[in-house]
Amino acid sequence: MDQSYGVAAYRSRQQVMKINDLLRRNGISSSVVSTPREISAGCGLSVRFNINDAANVKRIVSREKNANLIGLYRVDPSLGRGRLSVL
């Protein structure tokens, strides 16, 4: 069982809420979570999504062309300190 998940990190809380809503309207299950500490910049909130939806999330996020995006990441809790990788 893959416990990995995706995170979209933004600098703006407003953008986090907007993307979370946009993903849900496009049928992608998502939630607002605290940003992983390895991502030091930002507002402290990110959007969590199922890693299997990563391609669709990338497509939706890229259409938004928002400068507040810090990045899209894969989080694998089983890897400890090296648990974060760029999608």
N, C-alpha and C. Protein backbone atom coordinates (compact mmCIF):
# COMPACT_ATOMS: atom_id res chain seq x y z
N MET A 1 0.84 -1.18 0.00
CA MET A 1 0.00 0.00 0.00
C MET A 1 0.89 1.25 0.00
N ASP A 2 0.65 2.15 -0.94
CA ASP A 2 1.43 3.36 -1.08
C ASP A 2 0.85 4.44 -0.17
N GLN A 3 1.63 4.87 0.82
CA GLN A 3 1.17 5.92 1.73
C GLN A 3 1.60 7.30 1.27
N SER A 4 2.24 7.38 0.11
CA SER A 4 2.68 8.66 -0.43
C SER A 4 1.47 9.51 -0.81
N TYR A 5 1.69 10.80 -0.78
CA TYR A 5 0.65 11.73 -1.21
C TYR A 5 1.31 12.96 -1.83
N GLY A 6 0.54 13.76 -2.50
CA GLY A 6 1.04 14.96 -3.13
C GLY A 6 0.68 16.20 -2.34
N VAL A 7 1.51 17.23 -2.50
CA VAL A 7 1.28 18.51 -1.84
C VAL A 7 1.56 19.63 -2.84
N ALA A 8 0.64 20.57 -2.92
CA ALA A 8 0.83 21.78 -3.71
C ALA A 8 1.04 22.92 -2.71
N ALA A 9 2.25 23.49 -2.71
CA ALA A 9 2.59 24.54 -1.75
C ALA A 9 2.53 25.91 -2.41
N TYR A 10 1.92 26.85 -1.71
CA TYR A 10 1.75 28.22 -2.21
C TYR A 10 2.22 29.22 -1.18
N ARG A 11 2.48 30.43 -1.62
CA ARG A 11 2.87 31.53 -0.73
C ARG A 11 1.66 32.24 -0.14
N SER A 12 0.49 32.00 -0.69
CA SER A 12 -0.72 32.74 -0.31
C SER A 12 -1.82 31.80 0.17
N ARG A 13 -2.37 32.08 1.34
CA ARG A 13 -3.50 31.29 1.85
C ARG A 13 -4.69 31.36 0.90
N GLN A 14 -4.90 32.52 0.32
CA GLN A 14 -6.01 32.69 -0.62
C GLN A 14 -5.85 31.75 -1.81
N GLN A 15 -4.64 31.60 -2.31
CA GLN A 15 -4.39 30.71 -3.44
C GLN A 15 -4.57 29.25 -3.04
N VAL A 16 -4.17 28.89 -1.83
CA VAL A 16 -4.38 27.52 -1.33
C VAL A 16 -5.86 27.18 -1.36
N MET A 17 -6.69 28.09 -0.85
CA MET A 17 -8.14 27.86 -0.82
C MET A 17 -8.72 27.77 -2.23
N LYS A 18 -8.22 28.63 -3.12
CA LYS A 18 -8.71 28.63 -4.51
C LYS A 18 -8.37 27.31 -5.21
N ILE A 19 -7.12 26.86 -5.07
CA ILE A 19 -6.71 25.62 -5.74
C ILE A 19 -7.44 24.42 -5.14
N ASN A 20 -7.59 24.40 -3.82
CA ASN A 20 -8.33 23.31 -3.19
C ASN A 20 -9.75 23.23 -3.76
N ASP A 21 -10.40 24.36 -3.88
CA ASP A 21 -11.75 24.39 -4.44
C ASP A 21 -11.74 23.96 -5.91
N LEU A 22 -10.77 24.43 -6.67
CA LEU A 22 -10.67 24.09 -8.09
C LEU A 22 -10.46 22.59 -8.29
N LEU A 23 -9.60 21.99 -7.48
CA LEU A 23 -9.37 20.55 -7.58
C LEU A 23 -10.65 19.78 -7.28
N ARG A 24 -11.33 20.17 -6.24
CA ARG A 24 -12.58 19.49 -5.87
C ARG A 24 -13.63 19.63 -6.97
N ARG A 25 -13.72 20.80 -7.57
CA ARG A 25 -14.69 20.99 -8.67
C ARG A 25 -14.34 20.14 -9.88
N ASN A 26 -13.08 19.74 -9.98
CA ASN A 26 -12.64 18.87 -11.07
C ASN A 26 -12.60 17.40 -10.67
N GLY A 27 -13.23 17.06 -9.55
CA GLY A 27 -13.37 15.68 -9.13
C GLY A 27 -12.16 15.08 -8.44
N ILE A 28 -11.23 15.93 -7.98
CA ILE A 28 -10.03 15.45 -7.30
C ILE A 28 -10.19 15.68 -5.80
N SER A 29 -10.09 14.62 -5.04
CA SER A 29 -10.18 14.72 -3.59
C SER A 29 -8.94 15.45 -3.07
N SER A 30 -9.17 16.50 -2.28
CA SER A 30 -8.06 17.28 -1.74
C SER A 30 -8.45 17.87 -0.40
N SER A 31 -7.43 18.33 0.32
CA SER A 31 -7.68 18.98 1.61
C SER A 31 -6.58 19.99 1.89
N VAL A 32 -6.88 20.93 2.76
CA VAL A 32 -5.90 21.93 3.18
C VAL A 32 -5.17 21.37 4.41
N VAL A 33 -3.84 21.38 4.34
CA VAL A 33 -3.01 20.83 5.42
C VAL A 33 -1.86 21.80 5.73
N SER A 34 -1.19 21.58 6.83
CA SER A 34 0.01 22.35 7.14
C SER A 34 1.11 21.97 6.15
N THR A 35 1.84 22.96 5.71
CA THR A 35 2.94 22.72 4.77
C THR A 35 4.05 21.94 5.47
N PRO A 36 4.58 20.89 4.82
CA PRO A 36 5.69 20.15 5.43
C PRO A 36 6.86 21.09 5.76
N ARG A 37 7.52 20.87 6.86
CA ARG A 37 8.57 21.79 7.31
C ARG A 37 9.75 21.86 6.36
N GLU A 38 9.94 20.86 5.50
CA GLU A 38 11.03 20.91 4.53
C GLU A 38 10.84 22.01 3.49
N ILE A 39 9.62 22.48 3.36
CA ILE A 39 9.31 23.58 2.44
C ILE A 39 9.25 24.84 3.31
N SER A 40 10.34 25.57 3.37
CA SER A 40 10.45 26.66 4.34
C SER A 40 9.68 27.91 3.96
N ALA A 41 9.55 28.21 2.68
CA ALA A 41 8.84 29.42 2.26
C ALA A 41 7.34 29.14 2.18
N GLY A 42 6.57 30.18 2.29
CA GLY A 42 5.14 30.02 2.09
C GLY A 42 4.31 30.49 3.26
N CYS A 43 3.02 30.26 3.14
CA CYS A 43 2.06 30.77 4.12
C CYS A 43 1.79 29.78 5.25
N GLY A 44 2.34 28.57 5.16
CA GLY A 44 2.11 27.58 6.20
C GLY A 44 1.02 26.58 5.87
N LEU A 45 0.28 26.84 4.78
CA LEU A 45 -0.77 25.90 4.35
C LEU A 45 -0.48 25.42 2.94
N SER A 46 -0.88 24.19 2.67
CA SER A 46 -0.74 23.59 1.34
C SER A 46 -1.99 22.78 1.03
N VAL A 47 -2.07 22.31 -0.20
CA VAL A 47 -3.17 21.45 -0.61
C VAL A 47 -2.63 20.03 -0.75
N ARG A 48 -3.25 19.10 -0.05
CA ARG A 48 -2.86 17.69 -0.11
C ARG A 48 -3.79 16.98 -1.09
N PHE A 49 -3.21 16.06 -1.89
CA PHE A 49 -4.00 15.29 -2.85
C PHE A 49 -3.41 13.89 -2.99
N ASN A 50 -4.21 12.99 -3.53
CA ASN A 50 -3.78 11.62 -3.76
C ASN A 50 -2.68 11.62 -4.82
N ILE A 51 -1.60 10.94 -4.57
CA ILE A 51 -0.47 10.93 -5.51
C ILE A 51 -0.88 10.37 -6.87
N ASN A 52 -1.89 9.53 -6.92
CA ASN A 52 -2.37 8.99 -8.20
C ASN A 52 -3.02 10.06 -9.07
N ASP A 53 -3.39 11.19 -8.47
CA ASP A 53 -3.99 12.30 -9.21
C ASP A 53 -2.96 13.35 -9.64
N ALA A 54 -1.68 13.07 -9.44
CA ALA A 54 -0.63 14.06 -9.68
C ALA A 54 -0.66 14.65 -11.10
N ALA A 55 -0.84 13.82 -12.10
CA ALA A 55 -0.85 14.33 -13.48
C ALA A 55 -2.00 15.31 -13.70
N ASN A 56 -3.17 14.98 -13.18
CA ASN A 56 -4.32 15.89 -13.32
C ASN A 56 -4.12 17.17 -12.52
N VAL A 57 -3.54 17.05 -11.33
CA VAL A 57 -3.27 18.23 -10.51
C VAL A 57 -2.29 19.15 -11.24
N LYS A 58 -1.23 18.58 -11.80
CA LYS A 58 -0.26 19.38 -12.55
C LYS A 58 -0.93 20.13 -13.70
N ARG A 59 -1.81 19.44 -14.40
CA ARG A 59 -2.51 20.06 -15.53
C ARG A 59 -3.37 21.23 -15.06
N ILE A 60 -4.12 21.02 -14.01
CA ILE A 60 -5.01 22.06 -13.49
C ILE A 60 -4.21 23.24 -12.94
N VAL A 61 -3.17 22.95 -12.18
CA VAL A 61 -2.34 24.01 -11.60
C VAL A 61 -1.63 24.81 -12.69
N SER A 62 -1.15 24.14 -13.72
CA SER A 62 -0.44 24.84 -14.79
C SER A 62 -1.35 25.79 -15.57
N ARG A 63 -2.63 25.48 -15.63
CA ARG A 63 -3.59 26.38 -16.30
C ARG A 63 -3.76 27.67 -15.52
N GLU A 64 -3.55 27.62 -14.23
CA GLU A 64 -3.73 28.80 -13.37
C GLU A 64 -2.60 29.81 -13.52
N LYS A 65 -1.41 29.37 -13.88
CA LYS A 65 -0.25 30.26 -14.08
C LYS A 65 -0.11 31.27 -12.96
N ASN A 66 -0.03 30.78 -11.73
CA ASN A 66 0.03 31.66 -10.58
C ASN A 66 1.45 31.75 -10.04
N ALA A 67 1.92 32.96 -9.83
CA ALA A 67 3.28 33.19 -9.33
C ALA A 67 3.42 32.80 -7.86
N ASN A 68 2.32 32.57 -7.17
CA ASN A 68 2.38 32.19 -5.76
C ASN A 68 2.70 30.72 -5.54
N LEU A 69 2.77 29.93 -6.60
CA LEU A 69 3.08 28.50 -6.46
C LEU A 69 4.55 28.33 -6.07
N ILE A 70 4.78 27.65 -4.97
CA ILE A 70 6.14 27.30 -4.57
C ILE A 70 6.55 26.03 -5.30
N GLY A 71 5.64 25.04 -5.33
CA GLY A 71 5.94 23.81 -6.05
C GLY A 71 4.98 22.69 -5.72
N LEU A 72 5.07 21.64 -6.52
CA LEU A 72 4.30 20.41 -6.30
C LEU A 72 5.29 19.35 -5.84
N TYR A 73 4.92 18.64 -4.78
CA TYR A 73 5.82 17.69 -4.15
C TYR A 73 5.14 16.35 -3.89
N ARG A 74 5.97 15.31 -3.87
CA ARG A 74 5.54 13.99 -3.43
C ARG A 74 6.08 13.82 -2.02
N VAL A 75 5.23 13.43 -1.10
CA VAL A 75 5.63 13.20 0.28
C VAL A 75 5.50 11.71 0.55
N ASP A 76 6.59 11.10 0.99
CA ASP A 76 6.61 9.68 1.33
C ASP A 76 7.03 9.56 2.79
N PRO A 77 6.05 9.47 3.70
CA PRO A 77 6.36 9.45 5.14
C PRO A 77 7.30 8.32 5.56
N SER A 78 7.35 7.23 4.81
CA SER A 78 8.19 6.10 5.21
C SER A 78 9.68 6.37 5.01
N LEU A 79 10.04 7.46 4.31
CA LEU A 79 11.45 7.75 4.03
C LEU A 79 12.11 8.65 5.06
N GLY A 80 11.40 9.09 6.06
CA GLY A 80 12.00 9.93 7.10
C GLY A 80 12.40 11.29 6.56
N ARG A 81 13.67 11.68 6.77
CA ARG A 81 14.14 13.01 6.39
C ARG A 81 14.12 13.23 4.88
N GLY A 82 14.33 12.22 4.09
CA GLY A 82 14.36 12.35 2.63
C GLY A 82 13.01 12.11 2.00
N ARG A 83 11.97 12.42 2.74
CA ARG A 83 10.62 12.05 2.31
C ARG A 83 10.02 12.94 1.24
N LEU A 84 10.64 14.06 0.91
CA LEU A 84 10.06 15.02 -0.01
C LEU A 84 10.79 15.02 -1.34
N SER A 85 10.05 14.97 -2.44
CA SER A 85 10.65 15.08 -3.76
C SER A 85 9.74 15.92 -4.66
N VAL A 86 10.35 16.61 -5.59
CA VAL A 86 9.62 17.49 -6.50
C VAL A 86 8.89 16.64 -7.54
N LEU A 87 7.64 17.00 -7.81
CA LEU A 87 6.87 16.30 -8.86
C LEU A 87 7.16 16.93 -10.21
